[in-house]
Amino acid sequence: MANQLDKLLAHWQLSKDSQQWVLATIINTAGSSYRKAGAMMMINDLGQYFGMLSGGCLESDIMRQARRCWEDGHNRIIKYDMREEEDIAWQLGIGCGGMVEILLQPVSAKNNYLQLELLDQCLISNQNCGYVQALDTAEPNNQALPDKMQYELLQSGIQQRDEQRYFEQLLRPAYCLAVFGGGLDARPVVAMAAELGWQVLLLDPRTGYARTGYFNGALHTYRDTFEQYQHADWLQQIDAALVLTHNVKLDAQALKLLQHSQTKYVGLLGPKHRTERVLEFLKLSVEELNYPLANPVGLRLGGELPESIALSMIAEVHAYLEHSDGLSINHMLVN
């Protein structure tokens, strides 16, 4: 199940007028909860839901509550609190022990589709967008804010303005990962990144590489020489890149192309002595690169199969982009 907002909205767009829909948004949590404030889910009158707000324990009751939104066209705020024994959360058997508060909103032409169309356009165009949901009005009153000067003023979470409460958040497009090299070991890399909901761009000019049918998770596959993409728009949209061509010359060309990008992370496969050869070919030092270079790339997860190496690389990219350290949550030592 895809949980990225752009994937949820894609499902909604297919039948936004032929089915009834509700947008469910977590607006507040306390203690332990499966997902945090800002998480969203789309629900329709066929009993389908796209996205998750819990580990599966709340969804059936959320679906039941959503039907009441279609009856009167009004917002509804529901609360599940495992801290109180009288709460319905105990009956549902929720084991997280925390509290979660959820805003349910009917989505229709009458309320301008909650401005989800504008929000969707921004995400498809790889643009950030602010999103504001009024909490104290019976009928939905949402605002999508694509203008940077507007969304930079937002503060995440529930905010009070003019005696009214609003839930504010900045929504960003899915991460974009460029993978240089379409060999067999790149297949699990592309598959894992796609499963995370990332936009994956695959680049390899060599005949017989990046073969059709082997990389179905790639959003686009580029087969020209790397230098021809110096002025490509997507170059300014990538968040991270993995260079795994297994060819010193091609690796150097990939690193050179990435000098023109806005990437926040570049991982280069191979040991450091090989990287020295790549940089010699490129005629640049590590200090002259416009991006941080991870080499050797990946976290110390163990394993030597392509799938294990792919997991190691994707995990490091994920941790870096999420500003996390990649350490064990419980600091368990493995002997």
Protein backbone atom coordinates (compact mmCIF):
# COMPACT_ATOMS: atom_id res chain seq x y z
CA MET A 1 0.00 0.00 0.00
CA ALA A 2 1.43 3.38 -1.02
CA ASN A 3 1.34 5.95 1.78
CA GLN A 4 2.89 8.95 0.02
CA LEU A 5 0.34 11.74 -0.36
CA ASP A 6 0.80 12.02 -4.12
CA LYS A 7 -0.14 8.32 -4.46
CA LEU A 8 -3.23 8.81 -2.29
CA LEU A 9 -4.35 11.77 -4.38
CA ALA A 10 -3.78 9.82 -7.60
CA HIS A 11 -6.33 7.23 -6.42
CA TRP A 12 -8.76 9.99 -5.49
CA GLN A 13 -8.41 11.80 -8.84
CA LEU A 14 -9.56 8.69 -10.72
CA SER A 15 -13.06 8.81 -9.19
CA LYS A 16 -13.36 12.10 -7.32
CA ASP A 17 -16.86 12.77 -8.71
CA SER A 18 -18.20 9.24 -9.15
CA GLN A 19 -17.58 8.24 -5.52
CA GLN A 20 -17.88 9.92 -2.14
CA TRP A 21 -14.59 10.65 -0.42
CA VAL A 22 -13.33 11.68 2.99
CA LEU A 23 -9.90 13.05 3.86
CA ALA A 24 -8.66 11.86 7.26
CA THR A 25 -5.79 13.80 8.85
CA ILE A 26 -4.06 13.20 12.17
CA ILE A 27 -4.03 16.60 13.86
CA ASN A 28 -2.71 15.72 17.31
CA THR A 29 -1.00 12.88 19.17
CA ALA A 30 0.26 12.24 22.69
CA GLY A 31 2.40 9.40 23.95
CA SER A 32 3.09 6.51 21.61
CA SER A 33 1.29 6.47 18.25
CA TYR A 34 1.84 4.61 14.99
CA ARG A 35 1.88 7.82 12.91
CA LYS A 36 2.30 11.46 13.84
CA ALA A 37 0.38 14.68 13.22
CA GLY A 38 0.07 15.46 9.51
CA ALA A 39 -0.41 11.88 8.33
CA MET A 40 -3.30 11.54 5.87
CA MET A 41 -5.61 8.87 4.49
CA MET A 42 -8.25 8.94 1.72
CA ILE A 43 -11.48 6.95 2.22
CA ASN A 44 -14.26 6.26 -0.28
CA ASP A 45 -17.82 4.92 -0.08
CA LEU A 46 -16.78 1.56 -1.53
CA GLY A 47 -15.08 0.82 1.76
CA GLN A 48 -11.61 1.42 0.34
CA TYR A 49 -8.94 3.46 2.07
CA PHE A 50 -5.58 4.60 0.75
CA GLY A 51 -2.83 5.30 3.23
CA MET A 52 -2.68 4.33 6.90
CA LEU A 53 -3.14 6.26 10.13
CA SER A 54 -2.43 3.31 12.41
CA GLY A 55 -1.09 -0.21 12.22
CA GLY A 56 -4.53 -1.30 11.00
CA CYS A 57 -6.37 -1.22 14.33
CA LEU A 58 -8.16 2.11 13.80
CA GLU A 59 -9.03 2.00 10.12
CA SER A 60 -12.33 0.10 10.38
CA ASP A 61 -13.71 2.50 12.98
CA ILE A 62 -12.43 5.52 11.05
CA MET A 63 -14.32 4.17 8.05
CA ARG A 64 -17.50 3.98 10.12
CA GLN A 65 -17.07 7.52 11.37
CA ALA A 66 -16.34 8.79 7.85
CA ARG A 67 -19.81 7.76 6.66
CA ARG A 68 -21.32 10.36 8.99
CA CYS A 69 -19.40 13.08 7.10
CA TRP A 70 -21.21 12.14 3.88
CA GLU A 71 -24.57 12.45 5.61
CA ASP A 72 -24.25 16.12 6.60
CA GLY A 73 -21.18 17.35 4.66
CA HIS A 74 -19.54 18.48 7.91
CA ASN A 75 -16.11 18.14 9.47
CA ARG A 76 -15.79 15.69 12.32
CA ILE A 77 -12.98 15.32 14.85
CA ILE A 78 -12.58 11.90 16.45
CA LYS A 79 -10.26 10.90 19.26
CA TYR A 80 -8.79 7.57 20.34
CA ASP A 81 -7.11 7.50 23.73
CA MET A 82 -5.55 4.34 25.15
CA ARG A 83 -4.75 6.26 28.32
CA GLU A 84 -8.43 6.22 29.35
CA GLU A 85 -10.05 2.83 29.97
CA GLU A 86 -13.51 4.11 29.01
CA ASP A 87 -12.33 5.15 25.55
CA ILE A 88 -13.31 3.14 22.47
CA ALA A 89 -9.61 2.60 21.82
CA TRP A 90 -9.62 -0.04 24.56
CA GLN A 91 -12.44 -1.90 22.82
CA LEU A 92 -10.50 -1.77 19.56
CA GLY A 93 -7.49 -3.32 21.28
CA ILE A 94 -5.01 -0.61 20.33
CA GLY A 95 -1.70 -1.47 21.87
CA CYS A 96 0.35 1.71 21.39
CA GLY A 97 -0.85 3.23 24.67
CA GLY A 98 -1.12 6.78 23.33
CA MET A 99 -3.68 9.24 22.03
CA VAL A 100 -4.47 10.21 18.45
CA GLU A 101 -6.90 12.89 17.27
CA ILE A 102 -8.16 12.76 13.67
CA LEU A 103 -9.94 15.32 11.49
CA LEU A 104 -12.42 13.83 8.99
CA GLN A 105 -13.50 16.01 6.05
CA PRO A 106 -15.85 15.19 3.17
CA VAL A 107 -14.31 15.95 -0.22
CA SER A 108 -16.68 17.29 -2.88
CA ALA A 109 -17.12 19.92 -5.57
CA LYS A 110 -19.27 21.85 -3.08
CA ASN A 111 -16.25 22.52 -0.83
CA ASN A 112 -13.84 22.97 -3.76
CA TYR A 113 -12.43 19.47 -3.15
CA LEU A 114 -10.65 20.88 -0.07
CA GLN A 115 -8.22 22.47 -2.59
CA LEU A 116 -6.66 19.03 -3.03
CA GLU A 117 -6.43 19.58 -6.78
CA LEU A 118 -4.07 22.52 -6.29
CA LEU A 119 -2.12 20.59 -3.71
CA ASP A 120 -1.84 17.64 -6.11
CA GLN A 121 -0.60 19.90 -8.91
CA CYS A 122 2.17 21.22 -6.68
CA LEU A 123 3.33 17.75 -5.66
CA ILE A 124 3.26 16.48 -9.25
CA SER A 125 5.37 19.52 -10.24
CA ASN A 126 7.83 18.73 -7.43
CA GLN A 127 6.92 21.87 -5.53
CA ASN A 128 6.35 22.38 -1.84
CA CYS A 129 2.89 23.49 -0.76
CA GLY A 130 1.46 24.73 2.52
CA TYR A 131 -1.85 23.26 3.64
CA VAL A 132 -4.18 24.79 6.22
CA GLN A 133 -7.29 23.03 7.59
CA ALA A 134 -9.86 24.94 9.67
CA LEU A 135 -10.83 22.94 12.77
CA ASP A 136 -13.65 24.97 14.31
CA THR A 137 -15.97 25.30 11.30
CA ALA A 138 -18.75 22.80 10.59
CA GLU A 139 -18.14 22.89 6.84
CA PRO A 140 -14.61 22.32 5.52
CA ASN A 141 -12.52 25.41 4.83
CA ASN A 142 -9.09 24.37 3.63
CA GLN A 143 -6.36 26.35 1.90
CA ALA A 144 -3.50 25.13 -0.28
CA LEU A 145 -0.66 27.66 -0.31
CA PRO A 146 1.79 27.13 -3.19
CA ASP A 147 3.45 30.52 -2.73
CA LYS A 148 6.73 30.28 -0.83
CA MET A 149 6.17 33.61 0.93
CA GLN A 150 2.92 32.23 2.31
CA TYR A 151 3.91 28.71 3.31
CA GLU A 152 7.15 29.85 4.96
CA LEU A 153 5.00 31.66 7.55
CA LEU A 154 3.20 28.47 8.56
CA GLN A 155 3.93 26.75 11.86
CA SER A 156 3.43 23.00 11.97
CA GLY A 157 0.56 21.69 14.07
CA ILE A 158 -2.54 23.26 15.60
CA GLN A 159 -2.39 27.07 15.61
CA GLN A 160 -4.80 29.65 17.06
CA ARG A 161 -5.68 32.75 15.00
CA ASP A 162 -8.61 35.12 15.51
CA GLU A 163 -10.19 32.78 18.06
CA GLN A 164 -10.18 29.97 15.49
CA ARG A 165 -8.00 26.85 15.42
CA TYR A 166 -6.20 25.69 12.29
CA PHE A 167 -4.02 22.71 11.51
CA GLU A 168 -1.02 23.84 9.46
CA GLN A 169 1.67 21.88 7.71
CA LEU A 170 4.15 22.12 4.86
CA LEU A 171 3.76 19.26 2.38
CA ARG A 172 6.71 18.25 0.23
CA PRO A 173 6.86 16.06 -2.87
CA ALA A 174 8.21 12.55 -2.53
CA TYR A 175 12.00 12.27 -2.46
CA CYS A 176 13.65 12.01 -5.86
CA LEU A 177 16.54 9.54 -6.18
CA ALA A 178 18.82 9.36 -9.22
CA VAL A 179 20.45 5.96 -9.76
CA PHE A 180 23.43 5.93 -12.10
CA GLY A 181 23.99 2.42 -13.42
CA GLY A 182 21.45 -0.12 -14.57
CA GLY A 183 23.18 -3.39 -13.73
CA LEU A 184 21.63 -6.33 -11.92
CA ASP A 185 22.65 -4.98 -8.51
CA ALA A 186 20.68 -1.79 -9.20
CA ARG A 187 17.42 -3.72 -9.48
CA PRO A 188 16.78 -4.08 -5.72
CA VAL A 189 17.92 -0.46 -5.20
CA VAL A 190 15.27 0.84 -7.59
CA ALA A 191 12.64 -1.56 -6.25
CA MET A 192 13.20 -0.58 -2.60
CA ALA A 193 13.22 3.14 -3.34
CA ALA A 194 10.00 2.82 -5.36
CA GLU A 195 8.38 0.83 -2.54
CA LEU A 196 9.14 3.76 -0.24
CA GLY A 197 7.18 5.96 -2.62
CA TRP A 198 10.26 7.81 -3.90
CA GLN A 199 10.56 9.09 -7.44
CA VAL A 200 13.36 7.09 -9.04
CA LEU A 201 15.33 8.20 -12.09
CA LEU A 202 17.55 5.56 -13.71
CA LEU A 203 20.48 6.55 -15.93
CA ASP A 204 22.71 4.31 -18.03
CA PRO A 205 23.87 4.92 -21.64
CA ARG A 206 25.18 1.39 -22.16
CA THR A 207 23.44 -1.10 -24.40
CA GLY A 208 22.14 -4.06 -22.42
CA TYR A 209 21.85 -2.13 -19.16
CA ALA A 210 18.75 -0.62 -17.55
CA ARG A 211 16.76 -3.25 -19.42
CA THR A 212 13.04 -2.77 -19.90
CA GLY A 213 11.00 -4.88 -17.50
CA TYR A 214 13.75 -5.13 -14.90
CA PHE A 215 13.24 -1.66 -13.43
CA ASN A 216 9.48 -1.16 -13.29
CA GLY A 217 9.86 1.04 -10.22
CA ALA A 218 11.77 3.70 -12.14
CA LEU A 219 9.73 6.78 -12.98
CA HIS A 220 12.00 7.60 -15.95
CA THR A 221 14.94 5.85 -17.61
CA TYR A 222 17.56 7.98 -19.38
CA ARG A 223 19.83 6.30 -21.93
CA ASP A 224 21.88 9.18 -23.37
CA THR A 225 25.39 10.02 -22.20
CA PHE A 226 25.40 11.73 -18.82
CA GLU A 227 26.86 15.00 -20.06
CA GLN A 228 23.78 15.60 -22.23
CA TYR A 229 21.66 16.16 -19.12
CA GLN A 230 23.58 19.17 -17.76
CA HIS A 231 20.60 21.47 -18.32
CA ALA A 232 17.81 18.99 -17.58
CA ASP A 233 15.09 20.30 -15.25
CA TRP A 234 15.07 17.11 -13.19
CA LEU A 235 18.68 17.72 -12.22
CA GLN A 236 17.50 20.50 -9.90
CA GLN A 237 14.82 18.29 -8.35
CA ILE A 238 16.81 15.28 -7.16
CA ASP A 239 17.36 14.90 -3.41
CA ALA A 240 19.93 12.13 -3.54
CA ALA A 241 21.95 10.09 -6.02
CA LEU A 242 23.59 6.66 -6.00
CA VAL A 243 26.45 6.04 -8.42
CA LEU A 244 26.91 2.34 -9.16
CA THR A 245 28.00 1.91 -12.77
CA HIS A 246 31.06 -0.23 -11.82
CA ASN A 247 32.93 1.78 -14.45
CA VAL A 248 35.51 4.40 -13.38
CA LYS A 249 34.94 6.63 -16.41
CA LEU A 250 31.14 6.53 -16.11
CA ASP A 251 31.31 7.11 -12.36
CA ALA A 252 33.42 10.20 -12.98
CA GLN A 253 30.97 11.45 -15.58
CA ALA A 254 28.09 10.93 -13.14
CA LEU A 255 29.87 12.89 -10.40
CA LYS A 256 30.62 15.66 -12.90
CA LEU A 257 26.96 15.88 -13.92
CA LEU A 258 25.88 16.02 -10.29
CA GLN A 259 28.05 19.13 -9.86
CA HIS A 260 25.21 20.93 -11.69
CA SER A 261 22.50 19.53 -9.41
CA GLN A 262 20.89 20.48 -6.10
CA THR A 263 21.37 17.02 -4.61
CA LYS A 264 21.83 16.79 -0.85
CA TYR A 265 23.58 13.41 -0.88
CA VAL A 266 25.67 11.34 -3.28
CA GLY A 267 26.69 7.76 -2.55
CA LEU A 268 29.49 6.15 -4.57
CA LEU A 269 29.88 2.38 -4.60
CA GLY A 270 33.34 0.94 -4.08
CA PRO A 271 36.34 1.29 -1.74
CA LYS A 272 38.17 4.57 -1.16
CA HIS A 273 41.20 3.67 -3.29
CA ARG A 274 38.87 3.20 -6.27
CA THR A 275 37.22 6.54 -5.52
CA GLU A 276 40.65 8.18 -5.70
CA ARG A 277 40.93 6.88 -9.28
CA VAL A 278 37.47 8.22 -10.09
CA LEU A 279 38.38 11.68 -8.75
CA GLU A 280 41.70 11.63 -10.62
CA PHE A 281 39.77 10.95 -13.81
CA LEU A 282 37.38 13.77 -12.90
CA LYS A 283 40.33 16.08 -12.03
CA LEU A 284 38.60 17.21 -8.85
CA SER A 285 39.19 16.67 -5.14
CA VAL A 286 36.54 15.73 -2.60
CA GLU A 287 36.67 19.28 -1.27
CA GLU A 288 35.77 20.68 -4.70
CA LEU A 289 32.56 18.67 -4.96
CA ASN A 290 29.33 20.66 -4.53
CA TYR A 291 27.71 17.90 -2.47
CA PRO A 292 28.58 15.53 0.39
CA LEU A 293 30.04 12.28 -0.95
CA ALA A 294 29.36 9.05 0.95
CA ASN A 295 32.07 6.52 0.16
CA PRO A 296 32.03 3.65 0.75
CA VAL A 297 28.26 4.03 0.59
CA GLY A 298 25.82 2.38 2.98
CA LEU A 299 25.23 1.48 6.62
CA ARG A 300 26.95 -1.46 8.34
CA LEU A 301 24.04 -3.91 8.13
CA GLY A 302 25.97 -7.02 7.21
CA GLY A 303 25.27 -9.32 4.26
CA GLU A 304 26.89 -9.50 0.86
CA LEU A 305 24.04 -10.25 -1.53
CA PRO A 306 22.80 -7.46 -3.86
CA GLU A 307 19.59 -7.14 -1.83
CA SER A 308 21.54 -6.63 1.41
CA ILE A 309 23.82 -4.05 -0.19
CA ALA A 310 20.79 -2.26 -1.67
CA LEU A 311 19.12 -2.19 1.75
CA SER A 312 22.30 -0.77 3.26
CA MET A 313 22.46 2.03 0.69
CA ILE A 314 18.77 2.93 0.74
CA ALA A 315 18.80 2.92 4.56
CA GLU A 316 21.68 5.40 4.61
CA VAL A 317 20.00 7.69 2.07
CA HIS A 318 16.77 7.53 4.07
CA ALA A 319 18.52 8.36 7.34
CA TYR A 320 20.42 11.26 5.76
CA LEU A 321 17.37 12.84 4.13
CA GLU A 322 15.34 12.43 7.33
CA HIS A 323 18.16 13.95 9.42
CA SER A 324 18.44 10.79 11.50
CA ASP A 325 21.49 8.84 12.71
CA GLY A 326 20.61 5.35 11.49
CA LEU A 327 21.29 3.82 14.93
CA SER A 328 19.23 1.07 16.57
CA ILE A 329 16.24 2.46 18.45
CA ASN A 330 16.93 0.25 21.47
CA HIS A 331 20.75 0.33 21.09
CA MET A 332 20.79 -3.47 21.19
CA LEU A 333 24.29 -4.88 20.75
CA VAL A 334 24.68 -7.76 18.29
CA ASN A 335 27.37 -10.29 19.26
